[in-house]
């Protein structure tokens, strides 16, 4: 769920107080956030800090004194996790039934030496998009195939133009480096250039626009943009590329399940950036002075590597969910998604299996700024976009750190029925491979924020069911009044409560209070709790 780089993230706080449906007045933050506030804004409190975080710090400061939680296993189905990271290694799940390094399937689950999880991708990393895989097969006359073909051709054209753009940026950067006779230059250096060379002046004009938008690390931003564009053309949209070949598995045969290996960060830790960041949001150590803080403190991260650079295979996701469930996960985070799902029933069955085992699945809504009540985003818990077939899935949209009309992240998907809640998803600071930390954004970051809250509740109130935890998170959130900008388009403003089923943003403090009350209330026989 990547988001194109070079998007301007600077946003000014210029809103007055707004009153929500409960009559609570919230004031918008005036001025910019400090570095410290930005690094942990998802933990802060809207009422206290004027920042639309989840009030996590309040939970620890006011509600957890004298309480002892139970360890909760959280399955992270993603690109892999750097389990050796300084801020994660203490929270890594270890399979108690497996003896490390003996080459024997001690627990007889079909996965040899799965000590910290399983890697369903093996040594592969790059992959096609699902629409590309569909284009490799004969036209079956289906509407899905026709839609995929149109979108595929559109994407090819879009990224060919993107390549021209990024190559132009790289050429402009190189021209200025040569003219200025230094590898690193500033905006001031560029503005001071005087030359009769048309190429230099053209490059000056280009970089004078790029640097203010991308910031001082503009070369890094351009590099990441290049990587995304080139990966799209060379792998994701390339019908001649087969990333599955090296694995030796048939993704269309669900009967063969024992493939992959136990190296949960994959062939290169750098490829595990996304999953490592997600794991950090949930559980990086709190209060150790390193990087950021995780949402939940009584968590063990079980890693399932099943999301490549490209679209995940339905088979890997279905088996990954089942693997996490069978190994004791009570919460599973899924920060991935795609528009086409040829074997969606395999995933639906896995979701139902998780429901039968009382496991909550938290899933990212997607980053296409689209209404997923109308357009598809897989996996989901409603095949017809109208009726849920399971009650253990929370789908999460992303919030910006600005309270006011721009509170919804410009990239976030939405949907009155198919998105359940919103949570922080812009500029989230967390672990990345090789003991590093970084800001990332996306509903991929919003989802683990909610997974962390779910794990926190399940830790301190272990008798509550997955369905009850879903109900609590959805119904304890904070209502946001008024109109908000949708898709980053100032002309498209809608009521915030029309963008999700709950119409709320997640609030860990209120959720914890509701959970405590619910845990003390005897369940009524025959009563069904629904989100």
Protein backbone atom coordinates (compact mmCIF):
# COMPACT_ATOMS: atom_id res chain seq x y z
CA UNK A 1 0.00 0.00 0.00
CA UNK A 2 2.57 2.52 -1.07
CA UNK A 3 1.85 6.19 -1.62
CA UNK A 4 3.59 8.20 -4.32
CA UNK A 5 6.39 10.35 -3.00
CA UNK A 6 6.92 14.08 -3.45
CA UNK A 7 3.53 14.82 -1.94
CA UNK A 8 3.54 17.96 0.13
CA UNK A 9 2.77 17.03 3.74
CA UNK A 10 3.05 20.44 5.37
CA UNK A 11 -0.31 21.56 6.70
CA UNK A 12 -1.16 24.68 8.63
CA UNK A 13 -3.35 24.66 11.71
CA UNK A 14 -5.90 27.41 11.26
CA UNK A 15 -9.17 26.12 12.61
CA UNK A 16 -11.28 27.30 15.48
CA UNK A 17 -12.98 25.12 18.07
CA UNK A 18 -15.48 22.52 16.89
CA UNK A 19 -18.20 20.90 18.99
CA UNK A 20 -18.94 17.20 18.50
CA UNK A 21 -22.21 15.33 18.90
CA UNK A 22 -21.57 14.76 22.60
CA UNK A 23 -21.29 18.50 23.16
CA UNK A 24 -17.52 18.43 23.72
CA UNK A 25 -15.59 21.36 22.32
CA UNK A 26 -12.21 20.64 20.75
CA UNK A 27 -9.75 23.32 19.80
CA UNK A 28 -7.48 22.99 16.79
CA UNK A 29 -3.77 23.11 17.48
CA UNK A 30 -2.27 26.51 16.75
CA UNK A 31 1.13 26.53 15.12
CA UNK A 32 3.29 23.60 14.10
CA UNK A 33 3.77 20.48 16.14
CA UNK A 34 7.13 20.13 17.87
CA UNK A 35 9.36 17.26 16.79
CA UNK A 36 8.48 15.41 19.99
CA UNK A 37 4.74 15.91 19.45
CA UNK A 38 4.97 14.75 15.84
CA UNK A 39 6.90 11.61 16.77
CA UNK A 40 4.12 10.48 19.11
CA UNK A 41 1.06 12.36 17.96
CA UNK A 42 -1.02 9.18 17.64
CA UNK A 43 -0.59 8.71 21.42
CA UNK A 44 -1.79 12.21 22.32
CA UNK A 45 -5.24 13.42 23.31
CA UNK A 46 -7.54 15.66 21.27
CA UNK A 47 -9.00 17.36 24.33
CA UNK A 48 -5.74 17.83 26.19
CA UNK A 49 -3.28 18.37 23.34
CA UNK A 50 -5.55 19.64 20.52
CA UNK A 51 -4.11 16.85 18.38
CA UNK A 52 -6.41 14.06 17.10
CA UNK A 53 -4.45 11.16 18.57
CA UNK A 54 -5.91 8.10 20.29
CA UNK A 55 -5.35 9.17 23.94
CA UNK A 56 -2.98 6.27 24.53
CA UNK A 57 -0.76 8.17 26.95
CA UNK A 58 -3.82 8.90 29.09
CA UNK A 59 -4.53 5.18 29.37
CA UNK A 60 -1.07 4.47 30.74
CA UNK A 61 -1.03 7.52 33.02
CA UNK A 62 -4.54 7.24 34.45
CA UNK A 63 -5.98 3.75 33.97
CA UNK A 64 -3.24 1.13 34.18
CA UNK A 65 -1.79 1.85 37.63
CA UNK A 66 -1.99 -1.26 39.78
CA UNK A 67 -3.21 -3.39 36.90
CA UNK A 68 -1.40 -6.33 35.33
CA UNK A 69 -2.15 -7.35 31.80
CA UNK A 70 -1.94 -10.71 30.07
CA UNK A 71 0.43 -11.30 27.17
CA UNK A 72 -1.32 -11.06 23.82
CA UNK A 73 0.05 -12.49 20.59
CA UNK A 74 -0.45 -10.17 17.61
CA UNK A 75 0.02 -11.61 14.15
CA UNK A 76 1.59 -9.19 11.68
CA UNK A 77 0.82 -10.38 8.13
CA UNK A 78 3.10 -8.17 6.10
CA UNK A 79 6.39 -7.88 4.21
CA UNK A 80 8.39 -9.36 7.08
CA UNK A 81 9.75 -7.98 10.34
CA UNK A 82 13.32 -7.27 11.45
CA UNK A 83 13.08 -9.35 14.62
CA UNK A 84 16.62 -8.33 15.58
CA UNK A 85 15.73 -4.62 15.80
CA UNK A 86 16.81 -3.07 19.10
CA UNK A 87 13.28 -1.83 19.81
CA UNK A 88 11.48 -5.04 18.78
CA UNK A 89 13.62 -8.02 19.74
CA UNK A 90 12.17 -8.15 23.26
CA UNK A 91 8.60 -8.38 21.92
CA UNK A 92 9.16 -11.07 19.27
CA UNK A 93 7.01 -14.19 19.59
CA UNK A 94 8.82 -17.50 20.03
CA UNK A 95 7.11 -20.77 19.20
CA UNK A 96 7.23 -22.79 22.46
CA UNK A 97 6.66 -26.04 20.56
CA UNK A 98 9.59 -25.66 18.16
CA UNK A 99 13.29 -26.33 18.80
CA UNK A 100 15.35 -23.76 16.94
CA UNK A 101 17.74 -24.90 14.25
CA UNK A 102 17.28 -28.66 14.45
CA UNK A 103 15.73 -28.94 10.99
CA UNK A 104 12.76 -30.85 12.38
CA UNK A 105 9.09 -29.94 12.35
CA UNK A 106 8.79 -30.39 16.12
CA UNK A 107 5.20 -29.20 16.42
CA UNK A 108 4.20 -31.12 13.27
CA UNK A 109 2.36 -28.16 11.74
CA UNK A 110 4.07 -28.54 8.37
CA UNK A 111 6.55 -25.69 8.88
CA UNK A 112 10.11 -26.65 9.84
CA UNK A 113 11.83 -24.50 12.49
CA UNK A 114 9.07 -21.86 12.49
CA UNK A 115 10.51 -20.36 15.66
CA UNK A 116 9.31 -16.76 15.19
CA UNK A 117 6.73 -17.17 12.44
CA UNK A 118 6.75 -18.16 8.79
CA UNK A 119 7.81 -16.66 5.46
CA UNK A 120 5.38 -17.72 2.73
CA UNK A 121 7.33 -15.77 0.12
CA UNK A 122 10.64 -17.56 0.55
CA UNK A 123 13.47 -15.62 -1.10
CA UNK A 124 11.17 -13.75 -3.49
CA UNK A 125 10.35 -10.09 -2.94
CA UNK A 126 9.18 -8.41 -6.15
CA UNK A 127 5.81 -9.41 -7.55
CA UNK A 128 3.18 -8.56 -10.14
CA UNK A 129 0.02 -6.68 -9.32
CA UNK A 130 -3.03 -8.94 -9.44
CA UNK A 131 -4.27 -7.22 -12.60
CA UNK A 132 -0.93 -8.08 -14.27
CA UNK A 133 -1.37 -11.74 -13.36
CA UNK A 134 -4.84 -11.60 -14.88
CA UNK A 135 -3.40 -10.20 -18.12
CA UNK A 136 -1.16 -13.27 -18.39
CA UNK A 137 -4.22 -15.47 -18.71
CA UNK A 138 -6.73 -15.70 -21.59
CA UNK A 139 -9.67 -13.30 -21.56
CA UNK A 140 -12.45 -15.21 -19.80
CA UNK A 141 -15.09 -12.67 -20.84
CA UNK A 142 -15.77 -11.62 -17.24
CA UNK A 143 -16.45 -8.07 -16.18
CA UNK A 144 -13.52 -8.32 -13.74
CA UNK A 145 -11.14 -9.16 -16.60
CA UNK A 146 -12.39 -6.26 -18.71
CA UNK A 147 -12.07 -3.83 -15.80
CA UNK A 148 -8.59 -5.14 -15.00
CA UNK A 149 -7.46 -4.72 -18.61
CA UNK A 150 -8.62 -1.11 -18.72
CA UNK A 151 -6.91 -0.35 -15.41
CA UNK A 152 -3.75 -2.21 -16.43
CA UNK A 153 -3.36 -0.20 -19.63
CA UNK A 154 -4.04 2.99 -17.70
CA UNK A 155 -1.36 2.12 -15.13
CA UNK A 156 1.18 1.29 -17.83
CA UNK A 157 0.65 4.69 -19.42
CA UNK A 158 0.72 6.44 -16.03
CA UNK A 159 4.01 4.90 -14.97
CA UNK A 160 5.70 5.38 -18.32
CA UNK A 161 4.97 9.06 -17.87
CA UNK A 162 6.18 8.75 -14.29
CA UNK A 163 9.46 7.33 -15.54
CA UNK A 164 9.89 10.28 -17.87
CA UNK A 165 9.26 12.59 -14.95
CA UNK A 166 11.65 10.90 -12.54
CA UNK A 167 14.36 10.60 -15.19
CA UNK A 168 13.93 14.33 -15.87
CA UNK A 169 14.31 15.07 -12.13
CA UNK A 170 17.41 12.90 -11.88
CA UNK A 171 18.92 14.61 -14.91
CA UNK A 172 18.18 18.06 -13.46
CA UNK A 173 19.78 17.06 -10.16
CA UNK A 174 22.88 15.74 -11.92
CA UNK A 175 23.17 18.90 -14.04
CA UNK A 176 23.14 21.13 -10.94
CA UNK A 177 25.62 18.91 -9.12
CA UNK A 178 28.03 19.29 -12.03
CA UNK A 179 27.43 23.03 -12.35
CA UNK A 180 27.82 23.70 -8.62
CA UNK A 181 30.69 21.23 -8.39
CA UNK A 182 29.30 19.56 -5.26
CA UNK A 183 27.14 16.54 -4.54
CA UNK A 184 24.94 18.20 -1.94
CA UNK A 185 23.41 21.60 -2.49
CA UNK A 186 20.67 23.71 -0.92
CA UNK A 187 17.74 25.75 -2.19
CA UNK A 188 19.82 28.86 -1.60
CA UNK A 189 22.57 27.46 -3.82
CA UNK A 190 20.04 26.85 -6.57
CA UNK A 191 18.49 30.31 -6.34
CA UNK A 192 21.92 31.90 -6.58
CA UNK A 193 22.77 30.19 -9.88
CA UNK A 194 23.49 32.53 -12.80
CA UNK A 195 24.15 30.84 -16.13
CA UNK A 196 23.67 31.22 -19.88
CA UNK A 197 23.30 27.46 -20.29
CA UNK A 198 19.65 26.56 -21.09
CA UNK A 199 20.05 23.12 -19.48
CA UNK A 200 21.30 24.64 -16.23
CA UNK A 201 18.52 27.22 -16.14
CA UNK A 202 15.91 24.58 -16.86
CA UNK A 203 17.31 22.43 -14.06
CA UNK A 204 17.37 25.45 -11.75
CA UNK A 205 13.69 26.08 -12.42
CA UNK A 206 12.78 22.42 -11.80
CA UNK A 207 14.74 21.99 -8.57
CA UNK A 208 13.56 25.37 -7.28
CA UNK A 209 10.07 23.85 -7.28
CA UNK A 210 11.00 20.37 -6.07
CA UNK A 211 13.16 21.25 -3.05
CA UNK A 212 10.57 23.38 -1.18
CA UNK A 213 8.00 20.64 -1.71
CA UNK A 214 10.17 17.63 -0.87
CA UNK A 215 12.28 19.27 1.84
CA UNK A 216 16.00 19.06 2.60
CA UNK A 217 15.99 15.31 1.96
CA UNK A 218 14.75 15.89 -1.58
CA UNK A 219 17.29 13.52 -3.09
CA UNK A 220 16.04 10.71 -0.86
CA UNK A 221 12.47 11.51 -1.89
CA UNK A 222 13.39 11.45 -5.56
CA UNK A 223 15.22 8.17 -5.03
CA UNK A 224 12.19 6.57 -3.40
CA UNK A 225 9.96 7.89 -6.17
CA UNK A 226 12.34 6.40 -8.74
CA UNK A 227 12.33 3.05 -6.96
CA UNK A 228 8.54 2.98 -6.95
CA UNK A 229 8.20 3.91 -10.61
CA UNK A 230 10.91 1.51 -11.79
CA UNK A 231 9.55 -1.33 -9.65
CA UNK A 232 6.12 -0.78 -11.14
CA UNK A 233 7.40 -1.02 -14.70
CA UNK A 234 10.01 -3.74 -14.17
CA UNK A 235 8.04 -6.01 -11.85
CA UNK A 236 4.53 -5.00 -10.79
CA UNK A 237 3.21 -4.28 -14.30
CA UNK A 238 5.59 -6.51 -16.26
CA UNK A 239 3.72 -9.50 -17.73
CA UNK A 240 7.04 -11.20 -18.51
CA UNK A 241 8.12 -11.23 -14.87
CA UNK A 242 7.27 -14.19 -12.64
CA UNK A 243 8.23 -13.62 -9.01
CA UNK A 244 6.67 -16.91 -7.92
CA UNK A 245 8.90 -19.07 -10.10
CA UNK A 246 11.81 -19.18 -7.65
CA UNK A 247 9.49 -20.27 -4.82
CA UNK A 248 8.34 -23.33 -6.72
CA UNK A 249 4.74 -23.04 -5.54
CA UNK A 250 1.51 -22.98 -7.53
CA UNK A 251 -0.57 -20.08 -6.12
CA UNK A 252 -3.70 -21.58 -7.69
CA UNK A 253 -3.42 -24.86 -5.80
CA UNK A 254 -4.58 -24.53 -2.19
CA UNK A 255 -3.82 -28.17 -1.41
CA UNK A 256 -0.06 -27.55 -1.34
CA UNK A 257 0.64 -25.57 1.82
CA UNK A 258 4.15 -26.33 3.02
CA UNK A 259 6.30 -23.87 1.10
CA UNK A 260 8.49 -20.91 2.04
CA UNK A 261 10.97 -20.77 4.92
CA UNK A 262 11.46 -19.55 8.49
CA UNK A 263 13.47 -16.40 7.71
CA UNK A 264 10.72 -13.97 8.66
CA UNK A 265 12.46 -10.79 7.47
CA UNK A 266 13.04 -12.23 4.01
CA UNK A 267 16.18 -12.31 1.87
CA UNK A 268 17.05 -8.69 2.63
CA UNK A 269 16.02 -6.83 5.76
CA UNK A 270 15.46 -3.68 3.72
CA UNK A 271 12.53 -5.42 2.07
CA UNK A 272 10.96 -5.80 5.51
CA UNK A 273 10.66 -2.03 6.03
CA UNK A 274 6.86 -1.96 5.81
CA UNK A 275 6.30 -4.87 8.19
CA UNK A 276 8.93 -3.66 10.64
CA UNK A 277 7.27 -0.25 10.76
CA UNK A 278 3.85 -1.83 11.31
CA UNK A 279 5.20 -4.04 14.11
CA UNK A 280 6.80 -1.02 15.75
CA UNK A 281 3.58 0.96 15.77
CA UNK A 282 1.93 -1.88 17.64
CA UNK A 283 4.63 -2.93 20.06
CA UNK A 284 8.00 -1.13 19.96
CA UNK A 285 9.16 -0.85 23.56
CA UNK A 286 7.61 1.98 25.54
CA UNK A 287 9.71 4.38 27.57
CA UNK A 288 13.15 3.01 26.70
CA UNK A 289 14.36 6.25 25.11
CA UNK A 290 14.76 4.62 21.69
CA UNK A 291 12.71 5.73 18.72
CA UNK A 292 8.98 5.84 19.37
CA UNK A 293 6.61 3.99 21.68
CA UNK A 294 4.31 1.13 20.79
CA UNK A 295 0.59 1.29 21.54
CA UNK A 296 0.51 -1.96 23.53
CA UNK A 297 3.06 -3.07 26.11
CA UNK A 298 2.00 -6.68 26.73
CA UNK A 299 2.41 -7.96 23.18
CA UNK A 300 4.37 -10.61 21.35
CA UNK A 301 4.71 -10.08 17.58
CA UNK A 302 4.19 -13.19 15.46
CA UNK A 303 5.50 -12.56 11.96
CA UNK A 304 3.86 -13.86 8.81
CA UNK A 305 5.71 -12.77 5.69
CA UNK A 306 3.14 -12.83 2.91
CA UNK A 307 3.11 -9.33 1.35
CA UNK A 308 5.67 -8.73 -1.43
CA UNK A 309 6.57 -5.61 -3.34
CA UNK A 310 3.49 -5.98 -5.51
CA UNK A 311 0.15 -7.63 -4.79
CA UNK A 312 -0.10 -10.44 -2.28
CA UNK A 313 -1.41 -13.85 -3.34
CA UNK A 314 -4.76 -14.92 -1.90
CA UNK A 315 -3.27 -18.30 -1.03
CA UNK A 316 -0.49 -16.75 1.08
CA UNK A 317 -2.90 -14.48 2.92
CA UNK A 318 -5.38 -17.27 3.63
CA UNK A 319 -2.66 -19.59 4.93
CA UNK A 320 -0.99 -16.74 6.81
CA UNK A 321 -4.17 -15.89 8.69
CA UNK A 322 -4.70 -19.55 9.57
CA UNK A 323 -1.07 -19.88 10.69
CA UNK A 324 -1.37 -16.89 13.03
CA UNK A 325 -4.66 -18.16 14.44
CA UNK A 326 -3.30 -21.68 15.01
CA UNK A 327 -0.32 -20.28 16.88
CA UNK A 328 -2.34 -18.28 19.36
CA UNK A 329 -2.74 -14.81 17.86
CA UNK A 330 -5.73 -12.96 19.35
CA UNK A 331 -5.28 -9.94 17.05
CA UNK A 332 -4.07 -10.01 13.44
CA UNK A 333 -3.02 -6.89 11.57
CA UNK A 334 -3.35 -6.77 7.77
CA UNK A 335 -1.83 -3.63 6.25
CA UNK A 336 -2.27 -4.70 2.64
CA UNK A 337 -4.95 -4.72 -0.03
CA UNK A 338 -5.73 -4.96 -3.73
CA UNK A 339 -8.54 -4.37 -6.19
CA UNK A 340 -8.82 -7.91 -7.59
CA UNK A 341 -8.94 -11.22 -5.74
CA UNK A 342 -9.30 -14.35 -7.92
CA UNK A 343 -9.34 -16.71 -4.93
CA UNK A 344 -11.16 -14.46 -2.50
CA UNK A 345 -13.14 -17.37 -1.06
CA UNK A 346 -9.93 -18.84 0.38
CA UNK A 347 -9.41 -15.60 2.29
CA UNK A 348 -13.07 -15.36 3.29
CA UNK A 349 -12.86 -18.88 4.71
CA UNK A 350 -9.72 -17.93 6.65
CA UNK A 351 -11.49 -14.87 8.10
CA UNK A 352 -14.39 -17.09 9.18
CA UNK A 353 -11.90 -19.53 10.69
CA UNK A 354 -10.37 -16.69 12.68
CA UNK A 355 -13.83 -15.67 13.83
CA UNK A 356 -14.53 -19.23 15.01
CA UNK A 357 -11.35 -19.06 17.09
CA UNK A 358 -12.21 -15.64 18.57
CA UNK A 359 -9.49 -13.73 16.70
CA UNK A 360 -9.88 -10.07 15.71
CA UNK A 361 -8.56 -8.96 12.31
CA UNK A 362 -7.68 -5.30 11.77
CA UNK A 363 -7.33 -4.29 8.13
CA UNK A 364 -6.21 -1.17 6.28
CA UNK A 365 -8.91 0.50 4.16
CA UNK A 366 -6.52 1.41 1.33
CA UNK A 367 -4.82 4.50 -0.06
CA UNK A 368 -6.66 5.32 -3.28
CA UNK A 369 -8.96 8.05 -1.91
CA UNK A 370 -11.93 6.02 -3.11
CA UNK A 371 -15.29 4.94 -1.75
CA UNK A 372 -14.97 1.22 -1.07
CA UNK A 373 -18.72 0.94 -0.71
CA UNK A 374 -18.59 1.27 -4.49
CA UNK A 375 -15.12 0.13 -5.54
CA UNK A 376 -13.46 -3.09 -4.45
CA UNK A 377 -10.71 -3.40 -1.87
CA UNK A 378 -9.69 -6.93 -0.89
CA UNK A 379 -9.70 -8.62 1.52
CA UNK A 380 -12.94 -7.56 3.16
CA UNK A 381 -15.74 -8.98 5.28
CA UNK A 382 -18.57 -8.38 2.81
CA UNK A 383 -18.66 -10.00 -0.61
CA UNK A 384 -21.51 -7.79 -1.81
CA UNK A 385 -20.35 -4.64 0.02
CA UNK A 386 -23.67 -4.65 1.88
CA UNK A 387 -23.80 -7.67 4.18
CA UNK A 388 -21.02 -8.80 6.51
CA UNK A 389 -20.28 -12.54 6.52
CA UNK A 390 -18.16 -12.24 9.68
CA UNK A 391 -18.06 -9.97 12.71
CA UNK A 392 -14.38 -10.03 13.58
CA UNK A 393 -12.92 -7.55 11.06
CA UNK A 394 -12.26 -3.84 11.65
CA UNK A 395 -11.44 -1.83 8.52
CA UNK A 396 -9.53 1.37 9.23
CA UNK A 397 -9.25 4.70 7.40
CA UNK A 398 -6.42 7.17 8.04
CA UNK A 399 -6.33 10.50 9.88
CA UNK A 400 -4.03 13.46 9.43
CA UNK A 401 -2.52 15.10 12.54
CA UNK A 402 -4.47 18.31 11.85
CA UNK A 403 -7.79 18.73 13.63
CA UNK A 404 -10.28 20.53 11.40
CA UNK A 405 -11.55 20.10 7.87
CA UNK A 406 -8.30 18.39 6.78
CA UNK A 407 -8.43 15.71 9.46
CA UNK A 408 -8.93 12.90 6.93
CA UNK A 409 -5.70 11.86 5.20
CA UNK A 410 -5.91 12.91 1.57
CA UNK A 411 -5.08 9.39 0.36
CA UNK A 412 -7.45 7.46 2.62
CA UNK A 413 -10.26 5.29 1.31
CA UNK A 414 -13.65 5.67 2.98
CA UNK A 415 -17.08 4.06 3.00
CA UNK A 416 -20.16 4.41 5.16
CA UNK A 417 -20.55 0.63 5.32
CA UNK A 418 -17.14 -0.88 4.53
CA UNK A 419 -14.87 1.37 6.60
CA UNK A 420 -15.44 1.03 10.34
CA UNK A 421 -13.32 3.72 11.99
CA UNK A 422 -10.51 6.20 11.40
CA UNK A 423 -7.19 6.44 13.24
CA UNK A 424 -3.80 8.21 12.84
CA UNK A 425 -2.09 7.41 9.54
CA UNK A 426 -0.03 10.44 8.45
CA UNK A 427 3.60 10.85 9.56
CA UNK A 428 3.73 7.95 11.98
CA UNK A 429 7.16 7.40 13.56
CA UNK A 430 8.26 3.81 14.15
CA UNK A 431 10.91 1.16 13.67
CA UNK A 432 12.52 0.34 10.34
CA UNK A 433 15.15 -2.35 9.63
CA UNK A 434 18.70 -2.28 10.98
CA UNK A 435 17.91 -0.35 14.17
CA UNK A 436 16.57 2.67 12.34
CA UNK A 437 13.34 4.69 12.67
CA UNK A 438 11.31 6.59 10.14
CA UNK A 439 8.08 8.46 9.45
CA UNK A 440 5.70 6.56 7.17
CA UNK A 441 2.12 7.18 6.15
CA UNK A 442 -0.87 5.29 4.85
CA UNK A 443 -3.86 3.36 6.09
CA UNK A 444 -1.11 0.76 6.57
CA UNK A 445 -0.08 2.83 9.58
CA UNK A 446 -3.63 3.55 10.74
CA UNK A 447 -4.44 -0.15 10.95
CA UNK A 448 -1.67 -1.15 13.41
CA UNK A 449 -2.58 1.83 15.59
CA UNK A 450 -5.99 0.21 16.01
CA UNK A 451 -4.50 -3.27 16.31
CA UNK A 452 -2.44 -1.91 19.19
CA UNK A 453 -5.55 -0.59 20.93
CA UNK A 454 -7.27 -3.94 20.38
CA UNK A 455 -4.28 -5.77 21.88
CA UNK A 456 -4.29 -3.39 24.85
CA UNK A 457 -7.95 -4.17 25.54
CA UNK A 458 -7.48 -7.92 25.08
CA UNK A 459 -4.49 -7.80 27.43
CA UNK A 460 -6.35 -6.25 30.36
CA UNK A 461 -9.79 -7.71 29.64
CA UNK A 462 -9.01 -11.18 28.26
CA UNK A 463 -12.55 -12.46 28.78
CA UNK A 464 -13.95 -10.02 26.22
CA UNK A 465 -14.50 -11.62 22.82
CA UNK A 466 -13.17 -10.38 19.50
CA UNK A 467 -16.68 -9.24 18.60
CA UNK A 468 -16.97 -7.29 21.83
CA UNK A 469 -13.59 -5.64 21.28
CA UNK A 470 -14.68 -4.60 17.80
CA UNK A 471 -17.92 -3.19 19.22
CA UNK A 472 -15.99 -1.28 21.90
CA UNK A 473 -13.48 0.28 19.50
CA UNK A 474 -16.23 1.37 17.11
CA UNK A 475 -18.64 2.71 19.72
CA UNK A 476 -16.23 4.37 22.14
CA UNK A 477 -14.57 6.61 19.58
CA UNK A 478 -14.75 10.38 19.29
CA UNK A 479 -17.31 11.94 16.96
CA UNK A 480 -16.04 14.65 14.63
CA UNK A 481 -18.57 17.36 13.73
CA UNK A 482 -18.90 19.28 10.52
CA UNK A 483 -17.61 18.81 7.00
CA UNK A 484 -14.18 17.49 6.10
CA UNK A 485 -12.16 17.44 2.91
CA UNK A 486 -12.23 14.09 1.11
CA UNK A 487 -9.43 12.85 -1.14
CA UNK A 488 -7.43 16.04 -0.64
CA UNK A 489 -9.89 17.93 -2.87
CA UNK A 490 -10.97 21.21 -1.17
CA UNK A 491 -14.08 21.20 -3.37
CA UNK A 492 -15.15 17.79 -2.05
CA UNK A 493 -16.37 18.25 1.51
CA UNK A 494 -18.61 15.79 3.33
CA UNK A 495 -19.84 15.07 6.82
CA UNK A 496 -17.18 13.09 8.66
CA UNK A 497 -19.75 10.66 10.01
CA UNK A 498 -20.67 9.74 6.41
CA UNK A 499 -17.19 8.31 5.74
CA UNK A 500 -17.37 5.27 8.01
CA UNK A 501 -19.83 3.02 9.77
CA UNK A 502 -19.05 4.38 13.24
CA UNK A 503 -18.49 7.97 12.12
CA UNK A 504 -15.74 8.18 14.76
CA UNK A 505 -12.02 8.29 15.36
CA UNK A 506 -10.50 5.72 17.70
CA UNK A 507 -9.98 6.72 21.33
CA UNK A 508 -8.05 4.21 23.46
CA UNK A 509 -8.98 5.91 26.74
CA UNK A 510 -12.73 5.75 26.08
CA UNK A 511 -12.35 2.22 24.73
CA UNK A 512 -10.58 1.10 27.89
CA UNK A 513 -13.28 2.64 30.09
CA UNK A 514 -16.02 0.95 28.04
CA UNK A 515 -14.14 -2.35 28.10
CA UNK A 516 -13.84 -2.23 31.88
CA UNK A 517 -17.56 -1.58 32.21
CA UNK A 518 -18.49 -4.30 29.71
CA UNK A 519 -16.20 -6.84 31.38
CA UNK A 520 -18.14 -6.40 34.61
CA UNK A 521 -21.54 -6.70 32.94
CA UNK A 522 -22.86 -10.26 32.61
CA UNK A 523 -23.57 -11.10 28.96
CA UNK A 524 -27.25 -11.59 28.17
CA UNK A 525 -28.02 -14.99 26.80
CA UNK A 526 -28.64 -14.97 23.08
CA UNK A 527 -27.58 -11.34 22.63
CA UNK A 528 -25.33 -10.78 19.64
CA UNK A 529 -22.76 -8.01 19.79
CA UNK A 530 -22.21 -6.33 16.43
CA UNK A 531 -20.04 -3.53 15.18
